Protein backbone atom coordinates (compact mmCIF):
# COMPACT_ATOMS: atom_id res chain seq x y z
CA MET A 1 0.55 45.39 12.97
CA GLN A 2 3.56 43.46 11.78
CA ASP A 3 2.60 40.52 13.99
CA ARG A 4 -0.93 40.59 12.65
CA HIS A 5 0.38 40.57 9.09
CA HIS A 6 3.08 37.91 9.42
CA GLY A 7 1.68 35.82 12.29
CA PRO A 8 -0.94 33.84 10.31
CA LEU A 9 1.58 33.16 7.54
CA LEU A 10 4.14 31.81 10.01
CA LEU A 11 1.49 29.69 11.72
CA ALA A 12 0.48 28.18 8.37
CA LEU A 13 4.12 27.62 7.36
CA GLY A 14 4.86 26.00 10.72
CA TRP A 15 1.92 23.64 10.25
CA LEU A 16 3.06 22.69 6.73
CA ALA A 17 6.63 22.16 7.95
CA ALA A 18 5.42 19.87 10.74
CA CYS A 19 3.43 17.79 8.23
CA ILE A 20 6.38 17.52 5.82
CA ALA A 21 8.72 16.59 8.68
CA ALA A 22 6.33 13.84 9.82
CA VAL A 23 6.41 12.28 6.34
CA ALA A 24 10.17 12.70 5.91
CA ILE A 25 11.14 11.18 9.28
CA GLY A 26 8.66 8.34 8.72
CA GLN A 27 10.24 7.54 5.35
CA ALA A 28 13.73 7.66 6.80
CA LEU A 29 12.94 5.34 9.71
CA ARG A 30 10.36 3.01 8.17
CA LEU A 31 11.71 2.28 4.70
CA GLY A 32 14.38 -0.30 3.94
CA PRO A 33 17.33 0.40 1.60
CA ALA A 34 15.51 -0.58 -1.62
CA GLU A 35 12.32 1.25 -0.68
CA ALA A 36 14.14 4.46 0.24
CA ALA A 37 15.15 4.92 -3.40
CA TYR A 38 11.44 5.03 -4.30
CA ALA A 39 10.46 7.51 -1.59
CA TRP A 40 10.76 10.34 -4.12
CA PRO A 41 9.09 9.15 -7.35
CA LEU A 42 11.64 10.11 -10.00
CA PRO A 43 11.72 8.58 -13.52
CA HIS A 44 14.39 6.16 -12.29
CA PRO A 45 15.22 5.30 -8.65
CA LEU A 46 18.48 6.83 -7.45
CA GLY A 47 20.77 4.90 -5.15
CA TRP A 48 22.13 7.97 -3.39
CA LEU A 49 18.68 8.71 -1.97
CA THR A 50 19.17 5.83 0.42
CA ARG A 51 22.09 7.71 1.97
CA VAL A 52 20.58 11.20 2.15
CA LEU A 53 17.03 10.34 3.23
CA LEU A 54 17.77 10.45 6.96
CA PRO A 55 19.78 13.72 6.80
CA LEU A 56 17.00 15.17 4.63
CA ALA A 57 14.40 14.10 7.20
CA LEU A 58 16.44 15.60 10.03
CA GLY A 59 16.78 18.81 8.03
CA CYS A 60 13.01 18.95 7.54
CA CYS A 61 12.55 18.41 11.27
CA GLY A 62 15.01 21.21 12.03
CA ILE A 63 13.18 23.65 9.75
CA ALA A 64 9.88 22.59 11.32
CA VAL A 65 11.23 23.19 14.85
CA VAL A 66 12.44 26.69 13.94
CA LEU A 67 9.15 27.64 12.29
CA LEU A 68 7.12 26.12 15.10
CA THR A 69 9.11 28.00 17.73
CA VAL A 70 8.55 31.33 15.99
CA ALA A 71 4.93 30.50 15.19
CA ALA A 72 4.24 29.51 18.79
CA ALA A 73 5.22 33.01 19.91
CA HIS A 74 2.78 34.46 17.38
CA ALA A 75 0.09 32.05 18.55
CA ARG A 76 0.50 33.32 22.12
CA ALA A 77 0.46 36.92 20.92
CA LEU A 78 -2.68 36.33 18.87
CA ARG A 79 -4.23 34.24 21.67
CA VAL A 80 -4.94 31.29 19.39
CA GLN A 81 -3.06 28.58 21.31
CA LYS A 82 -5.89 26.04 21.19
CA PRO A 83 -6.49 26.13 17.40
CA TRP A 84 -2.71 26.14 16.90
CA ALA A 85 -2.31 23.09 19.18
CA ARG A 86 -5.03 21.19 17.27
CA LEU A 87 -3.30 21.93 13.97
CA LEU A 88 -0.05 20.49 15.33
CA LEU A 89 -1.66 17.41 16.84
CA ILE A 90 -4.12 16.05 14.30
CA GLN A 91 -2.68 16.20 10.77
CA PRO A 92 1.07 15.76 11.53
CA LEU A 93 0.31 12.85 13.86
CA LEU A 94 -1.92 11.28 11.20
CA LEU A 95 0.87 11.50 8.62
CA ALA A 96 3.38 10.11 11.11
CA PHE A 97 1.00 7.24 11.86
CA ILE A 98 0.66 6.41 8.15
CA TRP A 99 4.43 6.17 7.69
CA LEU A 100 5.59 4.84 11.06
CA VAL A 101 2.77 2.61 12.33
CA TRP A 102 0.37 1.69 9.52
CA PRO A 103 1.28 -1.68 7.90
CA ALA A 104 3.89 -1.05 5.22
CA ASN A 105 2.19 -3.40 2.75
CA GLY A 106 -0.72 -1.02 2.66
CA ARG A 107 -3.35 -3.65 3.44
CA GLN A 108 -6.17 -2.73 5.76
CA PRO A 109 -6.65 -4.80 8.93
CA TRP A 110 -10.11 -5.69 7.66
CA SER A 111 -11.07 -7.46 4.41
CA GLY A 112 -13.99 -7.58 2.06
CA ALA A 113 -16.20 -4.84 0.64
CA ALA A 114 -19.06 -5.15 3.14
CA PRO A 115 -16.94 -4.60 6.31
CA GLU A 116 -15.10 -1.72 4.61
CA VAL A 117 -18.34 -0.01 3.60
CA LEU A 118 -19.76 -0.45 7.10
CA LEU A 119 -16.59 0.88 8.74
CA LEU A 120 -16.42 3.92 6.47
CA ALA A 121 -20.14 4.54 6.92
CA ALA A 122 -19.67 4.42 10.70
CA LEU A 123 -16.69 6.81 10.52
CA GLY A 124 -18.58 9.16 8.24
CA ILE A 125 -21.67 9.23 10.44
CA ALA A 126 -19.51 9.63 13.57
CA SER A 127 -17.67 12.57 11.97
CA CYS A 128 -20.96 14.27 11.08
CA MET A 129 -22.42 13.63 14.54
CA TYR A 130 -19.32 15.08 16.19
CA LEU A 131 -19.49 18.23 14.10
CA VAL A 132 -23.22 18.63 14.77
CA TRP A 133 -22.71 18.05 18.51
CA LYS A 134 -19.74 20.42 18.67
CA ARG A 135 -20.92 23.22 16.40
CA GLY A 136 -24.59 22.60 15.66
CA ARG A 137 -26.29 21.79 12.39
CA LYS A 138 -24.60 24.77 10.74
CA ALA A 139 -21.36 22.75 10.75
CA LEU A 140 -22.73 20.60 7.91
CA GLY A 141 -23.74 23.65 5.90
CA ALA A 142 -26.64 24.11 3.53
CA ALA A 143 -28.28 21.25 1.65
CA PRO A 144 -26.70 20.38 -1.72
CA ARG A 145 -27.67 22.67 -4.60
CA PRO A 146 -27.28 21.74 -8.32
CA ARG A 147 -25.05 24.73 -9.14
CA GLU A 148 -22.49 23.54 -6.56
CA PHE A 149 -21.67 20.57 -8.77
CA LEU A 150 -20.93 22.51 -11.99
CA ARG A 151 -17.15 22.58 -11.56
CA ASP A 152 -17.14 19.00 -10.20
CA GLY A 153 -18.99 18.03 -13.38
CA ALA A 154 -16.29 19.68 -15.50
CA PHE A 155 -13.61 17.75 -13.57
CA LEU A 156 -15.62 14.56 -14.11
CA VAL A 157 -15.69 15.11 -17.88
CA ILE A 158 -11.91 15.68 -17.91
CA ILE A 159 -11.30 12.46 -15.93
CA LEU A 160 -13.56 10.37 -18.17
CA ALA A 161 -12.01 11.84 -21.33
CA ALA A 162 -8.48 11.16 -20.02
CA GLY A 163 -9.47 7.59 -19.19
CA LEU A 164 -10.97 7.07 -22.64
CA LEU A 165 -7.93 8.49 -24.43
CA GLY A 166 -5.55 6.54 -22.17
CA GLY A 167 -7.22 3.21 -22.87
CA GLY A 168 -8.83 2.74 -19.47
CA LYS A 169 -11.64 0.22 -19.17
CA ILE A 170 -14.59 0.91 -16.90
CA SER A 171 -16.28 -1.91 -15.00
CA LEU A 172 -19.85 -0.87 -14.27
CA GLN A 173 -20.01 -3.03 -11.15
CA ALA A 174 -16.74 -1.61 -9.78
CA LEU A 175 -17.85 1.93 -10.65
CA ILE A 176 -21.17 1.54 -8.81
CA SER A 177 -19.40 0.05 -5.78
CA ALA A 178 -16.89 2.91 -5.74
CA ALA A 179 -19.64 5.50 -6.16
CA VAL A 180 -21.25 4.13 -2.97
CA LEU A 181 -18.01 3.77 -1.03
CA TYR A 182 -16.14 6.97 -1.87
CA PRO A 183 -18.71 9.49 -0.60
CA LEU A 184 -18.59 7.72 2.78
CA PHE A 185 -14.83 7.88 2.77
CA ALA A 186 -15.02 11.52 1.65
CA LEU A 187 -16.99 12.45 4.79
CA VAL A 188 -14.11 11.20 6.91
CA GLN A 189 -11.38 12.81 4.80
CA LEU A 190 -13.15 16.16 4.55
CA SER A 191 -13.86 16.24 8.27
CA VAL A 192 -10.23 15.57 9.21
CA MET A 193 -8.37 17.24 6.34
CA LEU A 194 -10.61 20.23 5.58
CA ILE A 195 -13.25 21.10 8.20
CA LEU A 196 -10.94 20.90 11.23
CA PRO A 197 -7.78 22.52 9.81
CA ALA A 198 -9.60 25.19 7.79
CA THR A 199 -11.60 26.25 10.84
CA ASP A 200 -8.49 26.45 13.00
CA LEU A 201 -6.43 28.25 10.35
CA ARG A 202 -9.13 30.88 10.01
CA ARG A 203 -9.22 31.29 13.80
CA CYS A 204 -5.47 31.84 13.67
CA GLY A 205 -6.06 34.72 11.28
CA SER A 206 -5.15 32.98 8.02
CA SER A 207 -6.73 34.47 4.88
CA PRO A 208 -9.19 32.36 2.85
CA ARG A 209 -6.64 31.97 0.02
CA LEU A 210 -3.81 30.93 2.38
CA THR A 211 -6.16 28.56 4.22
CA ALA A 212 -7.26 26.89 0.99
CA LEU A 213 -3.67 26.60 -0.25
CA SER A 214 -2.43 25.14 3.07
CA CYS A 215 -5.22 22.54 3.21
CA ALA A 216 -4.56 21.62 -0.44
CA LEU A 217 -0.83 21.06 0.09
CA VAL A 218 -1.32 18.91 3.19
CA PHE A 219 -4.08 16.89 1.50
CA GLY A 220 -1.78 16.28 -1.48
CA LEU A 221 0.98 15.26 0.95
CA LEU A 222 -1.42 12.71 2.42
CA HIS A 223 -1.33 10.90 -0.96
CA TRP A 224 2.46 10.91 -1.37
CA PRO A 225 4.32 9.33 -3.21
CA ASN A 226 1.61 8.69 -5.84
CA LEU A 227 2.43 11.83 -7.84
CA LEU A 228 -0.66 11.83 -10.05
CA LEU A 229 -2.97 11.29 -7.09
CA ALA A 230 -1.14 13.83 -4.92
CA ALA A 231 -1.35 16.51 -7.62
CA ALA A 232 -4.99 15.78 -8.43
CA THR A 233 -6.11 15.78 -4.79
CA ALA A 234 -4.18 18.97 -4.01
CA VAL A 235 -5.78 20.85 -6.90
CA ALA A 236 -9.25 19.54 -6.07
CA MET A 237 -8.87 20.34 -2.35
CA PHE A 238 -7.86 23.92 -3.17
CA PHE A 239 -11.19 24.48 -4.90
CA TRP A 240 -13.19 22.50 -2.30
CA ALA A 241 -11.62 24.50 0.53
CA GLN A 242 -12.57 27.74 -1.17
CA ASP A 243 -16.11 26.40 -1.67
CA ARG A 244 -16.33 25.41 1.98
CA LEU A 245 -15.17 28.83 3.16
CA ALA A 246 -17.78 30.37 0.85
CA GLY A 247 -20.53 28.33 2.53
CA ARG A 248 -20.78 25.06 0.59
CA GLY A 249 -22.12 22.26 2.79
CA LEU A 250 -20.19 19.18 3.90
CA ILE A 251 -22.70 16.76 2.35
CA SER A 252 -22.43 18.53 -1.01
CA LEU A 253 -18.63 18.43 -0.83
CA ALA A 254 -18.63 14.73 0.11
CA LEU A 255 -20.89 13.84 -2.81
CA GLY A 256 -18.75 15.78 -5.25
CA MET A 257 -15.51 14.41 -3.86
CA GLY A 258 -16.88 10.86 -3.71
CA LEU A 259 -18.13 10.78 -7.29
CA LEU A 260 -14.90 12.30 -8.61
CA GLY A 261 -12.87 9.80 -6.56
CA ALA A 262 -14.92 6.90 -7.94
CA ALA A 263 -14.39 8.06 -11.52
CA PHE A 264 -10.68 8.73 -10.88
CA SER A 265 -10.12 5.25 -9.49
CA GLN A 266 -12.17 3.35 -12.05
CA ALA A 267 -11.92 5.29 -15.33
CA LEU A 268 -8.18 5.99 -15.52
CA PRO A 269 -5.77 3.20 -16.54
CA ASP A 270 -4.35 1.33 -13.54
CA PRO A 271 -0.69 2.11 -14.42
CA TRP A 272 -1.49 5.82 -14.08
CA THR A 273 -2.72 5.50 -10.52
CA ALA A 274 -1.12 2.17 -9.40
CA HIS A 275 -4.69 1.66 -8.37
CA MET A 276 -4.93 4.41 -5.83
CA ARG A 277 -2.22 3.10 -3.51
CA VAL A 278 -0.43 5.72 -1.41
CA GLY A 279 2.09 5.85 1.40
CA PRO A 280 4.39 2.94 2.33
CA GLY A 281 2.02 0.48 0.63
CA TYR A 282 2.49 2.22 -2.73
CA ILE A 283 6.28 2.08 -2.36
CA ARG A 284 6.24 -1.55 -1.24
CA GLN A 285 4.10 -2.57 -4.22
CA THR A 286 6.33 -0.74 -6.72
CA VAL A 287 9.56 -2.08 -5.24
CA ARG A 288 8.26 -5.65 -5.09
CA GLU A 289 7.25 -5.64 -8.75
CA ASP A 290 10.60 -4.19 -9.86
CA LEU A 291 12.58 -6.67 -7.78
CA ALA A 292 10.59 -9.62 -9.09
CA ALA A 293 10.99 -8.52 -12.71
CA GLY A 294 14.72 -7.79 -12.41
CA ASN A 295 14.47 -4.00 -12.77
CA LEU A 296 17.18 -3.44 -10.17
CA TRP A 297 18.36 0.12 -9.75
CA PHE A 298 21.30 -0.94 -7.58
CA LEU A 299 22.98 -3.18 -10.18
CA PRO A 300 24.34 -2.43 -13.68
CA GLY A 301 23.20 -4.70 -16.50
CA ASN A 302 19.98 -5.89 -14.89
CA PRO A 303 18.93 -9.44 -15.79
CA ASP A 304 15.67 -10.01 -17.62
CA TRP A 305 14.20 -12.53 -15.24
CA ASN A 306 10.89 -12.74 -17.04
CA ALA A 307 12.64 -14.16 -20.12
CA ASN A 308 15.24 -16.17 -18.19
CA PRO A 309 14.01 -16.99 -14.66
CA PRO A 310 16.77 -17.20 -12.04
CA LEU A 311 17.66 -20.05 -9.72
CA PRO A 312 16.89 -19.38 -6.02
CA ALA A 313 20.55 -18.81 -5.09
CA GLU A 314 21.02 -16.33 -7.96
CA PHE A 315 17.85 -14.42 -7.06
CA LEU A 316 18.68 -14.20 -3.35
CA GLY A 317 22.32 -13.27 -3.86
CA THR A 318 21.40 -10.52 -6.31
CA LEU A 319 18.66 -8.96 -4.20
CA TYR A 320 20.28 -8.96 -0.77
CA PRO A 321 22.67 -5.99 -1.21
CA GLY A 322 19.90 -3.69 -2.46
CA VAL A 323 17.11 -4.86 -0.17
CA ILE A 324 18.86 -5.79 3.08
CA GLY A 325 21.85 -3.49 2.61
CA ARG A 326 24.60 -6.14 2.72
CA PRO A 327 25.58 -9.37 0.93
CA ILE A 328 23.83 -12.56 1.95
CA ARG A 329 25.77 -14.71 4.40
CA GLN A 330 26.48 -18.40 3.89
CA GLN A 331 24.29 -19.59 6.78
CA GLU A 332 21.46 -17.35 5.59
CA MET A 333 21.71 -18.75 2.07
CA ALA A 334 21.44 -22.31 3.41
CA LEU A 335 18.40 -21.34 5.50
CA TRP A 336 16.74 -19.61 2.55
CA LEU A 337 17.40 -22.47 0.13
CA GLU A 338 15.97 -24.98 2.58
CA SER A 339 12.84 -22.88 3.09
CA VAL A 340 12.38 -22.11 -0.61
CA ASP A 341 12.83 -25.79 -1.40
CA ARG A 342 10.13 -26.78 1.10
CA ALA A 343 7.82 -24.07 -0.22
CA ARG A 344 8.38 -25.32 -3.75
CA ARG A 345 7.29 -28.81 -2.75
CA ARG A 346 3.96 -27.47 -1.50
CA THR A 347 3.50 -25.37 -4.62
CA VAL A 348 4.22 -28.36 -6.88
CA ILE A 349 1.71 -30.48 -4.97
CA TRP A 350 -0.92 -27.81 -5.59
CA GLN A 351 -0.11 -27.83 -9.31
CA PHE A 352 -0.59 -31.61 -9.38
CA ALA A 353 -3.85 -31.45 -7.39
CA THR A 354 -5.37 -28.76 -9.64
CA SER A 355 -4.32 -30.29 -12.97
CA ASP A 356 -6.84 -31.62 -15.51
CA GLU A 357 -5.33 -35.09 -15.24
CA TYR A 358 -5.85 -35.24 -11.49
CA ALA A 359 -9.44 -34.02 -11.91
CA ARG A 360 -10.11 -37.16 -13.98
CA THR A 361 -8.58 -39.58 -11.48
CA GLN A 362 -9.17 -37.89 -8.09
CA ARG A 363 -7.00 -40.44 -6.31
CA LEU A 364 -6.90 -38.41 -3.08
CA GLY A 365 -10.45 -37.08 -3.33
CA PRO A 366 -12.03 -34.16 -5.23
CA PRO A 367 -9.59 -31.40 -6.27
CA PRO A 368 -9.16 -28.66 -3.63
CA VAL A 369 -10.47 -25.88 -5.86
CA ALA A 370 -14.09 -25.48 -4.79
CA ALA A 371 -14.98 -22.09 -3.37
CA GLU A 372 -16.78 -23.65 -0.39
CA MET A 373 -15.04 -26.87 0.57
CA PRO A 374 -16.52 -28.91 3.42
CA ALA A 375 -14.47 -28.83 6.62
CA ASP A 376 -13.64 -32.55 6.41
CA ALA A 377 -12.34 -32.13 2.84
CA ARG A 378 -10.15 -29.18 3.88
CA GLN A 379 -8.70 -31.16 6.77
CA ARG A 380 -8.13 -34.21 4.55
CA TRP A 381 -6.25 -32.14 1.99
CA HIS A 382 -4.27 -30.43 4.72
CA ARG A 383 -3.24 -33.86 6.06
CA ASP A 384 -2.33 -35.20 2.61
CA ILE A 385 -0.35 -32.10 1.63
CA THR A 386 1.54 -32.20 4.94
CA ILE A 387 2.48 -35.84 4.26
CA LEU A 388 3.48 -35.28 0.65
CA ASP A 389 5.72 -32.27 1.35
CA SER A 390 7.29 -33.71 4.51
CA ASP A 391 11.00 -34.50 4.89
CA THR A 392 10.06 -38.13 5.47
CA TYR A 393 8.37 -38.37 2.06
CA TRP A 394 11.26 -36.46 0.46
CA LYS A 395 13.91 -38.80 1.89
CA ALA A 396 11.85 -41.89 1.09
CA HIS A 397 12.06 -40.93 -2.58
CA GLY A 398 15.79 -40.41 -2.76
CA GLY A 399 16.08 -36.91 -1.32
CA SER A 400 16.20 -35.41 -4.83
CA TRP A 401 13.75 -33.64 -7.10
CA PRO A 402 13.62 -36.36 -9.77
CA GLY A 403 12.79 -38.99 -7.14
CA TYR A 404 10.31 -36.73 -5.35
CA LEU A 405 8.47 -35.87 -8.58
CA ALA A 406 8.38 -39.54 -9.55
CA GLY A 407 6.69 -40.24 -6.21
CA LEU A 408 4.07 -37.55 -6.82
CA TYR A 409 3.26 -38.97 -10.26
CA GLU A 410 2.74 -42.40 -8.68
CA ASP A 411 0.73 -41.27 -5.63
CA MET A 412 -1.31 -38.44 -7.14
CA LEU A 413 -1.80 -39.50 -10.76
CA GLY A 414 -1.34 -43.29 -10.52
CA ARG A 415 1.30 -43.55 -13.23
CA LYS A 416 5.01 -43.12 -13.84
CA GLY A 417 6.24 -39.75 -15.04
CA SER A 418 8.36 -39.76 -18.17
CA SER A 419 11.88 -38.36 -18.07
CA GLU A 420 10.71 -35.44 -20.23
CA GLU A 421 7.85 -34.66 -17.82
CA ILE A 422 10.09 -34.75 -14.76
CA ALA A 423 12.75 -32.61 -16.47
CA ALA A 424 10.08 -30.02 -17.30
CA TRP A 425 9.61 -29.20 -13.59
CA THR A 426 12.27 -26.48 -13.46
CA PRO A 427 13.72 -25.27 -10.15
CA ARG A 428 13.89 -21.75 -11.58
CA LEU A 429 11.67 -19.19 -9.89
CA ASN A 430 8.64 -17.92 -11.74
CA LEU A 431 7.26 -14.39 -11.26
CA VAL A 432 4.78 -15.34 -8.52
CA GLN A 433 7.48 -17.11 -6.51
CA ARG A 434 9.86 -14.17 -6.91
CA ARG A 435 7.17 -11.81 -5.65
CA ARG A 436 6.66 -13.92 -2.53
CA ILE A 437 10.39 -14.02 -1.75
CA ALA A 438 10.81 -10.28 -2.42
CA GLU A 439 7.85 -9.45 -0.18
CA VAL A 440 9.26 -11.48 2.73
CA MET A 441 12.62 -9.76 2.31
CA LEU A 442 11.03 -6.30 2.19
CA ASN A 443 8.96 -7.03 5.29
CA HIS A 444 12.13 -7.72 7.29
CA ALA A 445 14.70 -5.50 5.57
CA GLN A 446 15.30 -3.26 8.58
CA ALA A 447 15.54 -6.06 11.14
CA TRP A 448 17.75 -8.37 9.05
CA ARG A 449 20.27 -5.70 8.16
CA GLU A 450 21.98 -6.02 11.53
CA LYS A 451 20.62 -9.37 12.75
CA PRO A 452 20.27 -12.22 10.22
CA PRO A 453 17.16 -14.42 10.54
CA ALA A 454 17.46 -17.45 12.80
CA THR A 455 14.35 -19.14 11.38
CA LEU A 456 12.36 -18.69 8.19
CA PRO A 457 8.93 -20.36 8.09
CA TYR A 458 8.55 -21.83 4.62
CA MET A 459 4.78 -21.27 4.47
CA ARG A 460 5.36 -17.55 3.97
CA LEU A 461 7.21 -18.39 0.74
CA VAL A 462 4.56 -20.67 -0.77
CA ALA A 463 3.36 -19.29 -4.11
CA PRO A 464 0.55 -18.86 -4.79
CA GLN A 465 -0.68 -18.08 -1.28
CA VAL A 466 -3.67 -20.43 -1.48
CA PRO A 467 -5.37 -20.66 1.97
CA ILE A 468 -5.37 -24.43 2.06
CA LEU A 469 -1.61 -24.46 1.45
CA VAL A 470 -0.77 -22.10 4.29
CA ALA A 471 -3.64 -22.62 6.73
CA GLN A 472 -2.95 -23.82 10.26
CA TYR A 473 -5.33 -26.33 11.86
């Protein structure tokens, strides 16, 4: 009797511990020094988190191992090894994949709304087909009924009211697109994060309340470290799990979840949700913006770089200890300055080519700003840009910025630049350039900590990242 009473609880706790350990070890191994301070979203990043994250992750793994060992004995005693094995394989591995394998910048390997909708539609349909094939049509549940959406409607009113009071602006086009996309995504999420675990937890003897609570906590963990999104999804999943166990159908749940997700993403102010980013991508985005703006948790007296933009050497030297974990070395600084200098040339050329004055003269052809440029025009601009930013062109004009800028005025605008105009082209880094440099550093923080870069392709530092500036032909 004692096993029957405590066994399901230990199985659920072991599952939760495995999921938490997967996130913790992923954060410890995947995040660089600067990002580790943002792994736990406190009001202000704390430097000591970078030192305790790995021991904390190992501690979580140790607790998980103990609970899993005890729970495994209960699983054998209750003869629920298969459901228990599925619980350990699917959700913890998914969380580990998000933190250890999924691109840390959070970008999907596809682009554009149409491919995303098609992919999610395919995943949603495949999930439904699998459930129907495995468990029959009853797996989808009854058809949607109006009364099932009463509480979802109350949540919807709360979200819209919060967005209105918080100053959020709703784009009708974006809202319609999200209302189409989110229910498809909800089919996938509900299948993986509710239908499968709830079914297995119940087979392991877990009570409906414990099952709903366990699914809610793991679903909230899936949205870490976006605290608002994690809390909202955990609360919503608790109610949806109870509804599912009471007989609510999957299609009804997906519609409710999809419409609430669309309203949550579009009605609330973007700063509240960081526009629905979660996982390593959310951390990377937050860290990059703070680094670029000069909000540096690892230095006292942070500079206000928006009011007084830094020179490249100042920016690099300041960021390296917090991002890479050590001071920048002399050879690295020379490599960076050379690459940043070359990237700046290409950026300056773009500013010349897209200026109003160039549009009137068009000395090298039409400006490269059309949405659909002919292939010959793209290749011509690629050739001209390559010539104008080359070392040969740089050296031919004195090997200095005043001489180089004077050459661009002559060749691109057909006139001489005044001393005031040339002096106005500051070498200080604007916000877009600082973002590009910070992103490259964050992408390589782990690798460069022990082994400095031998090469640094300048095209990755070009800001803005206009395709014609960075394209390879």
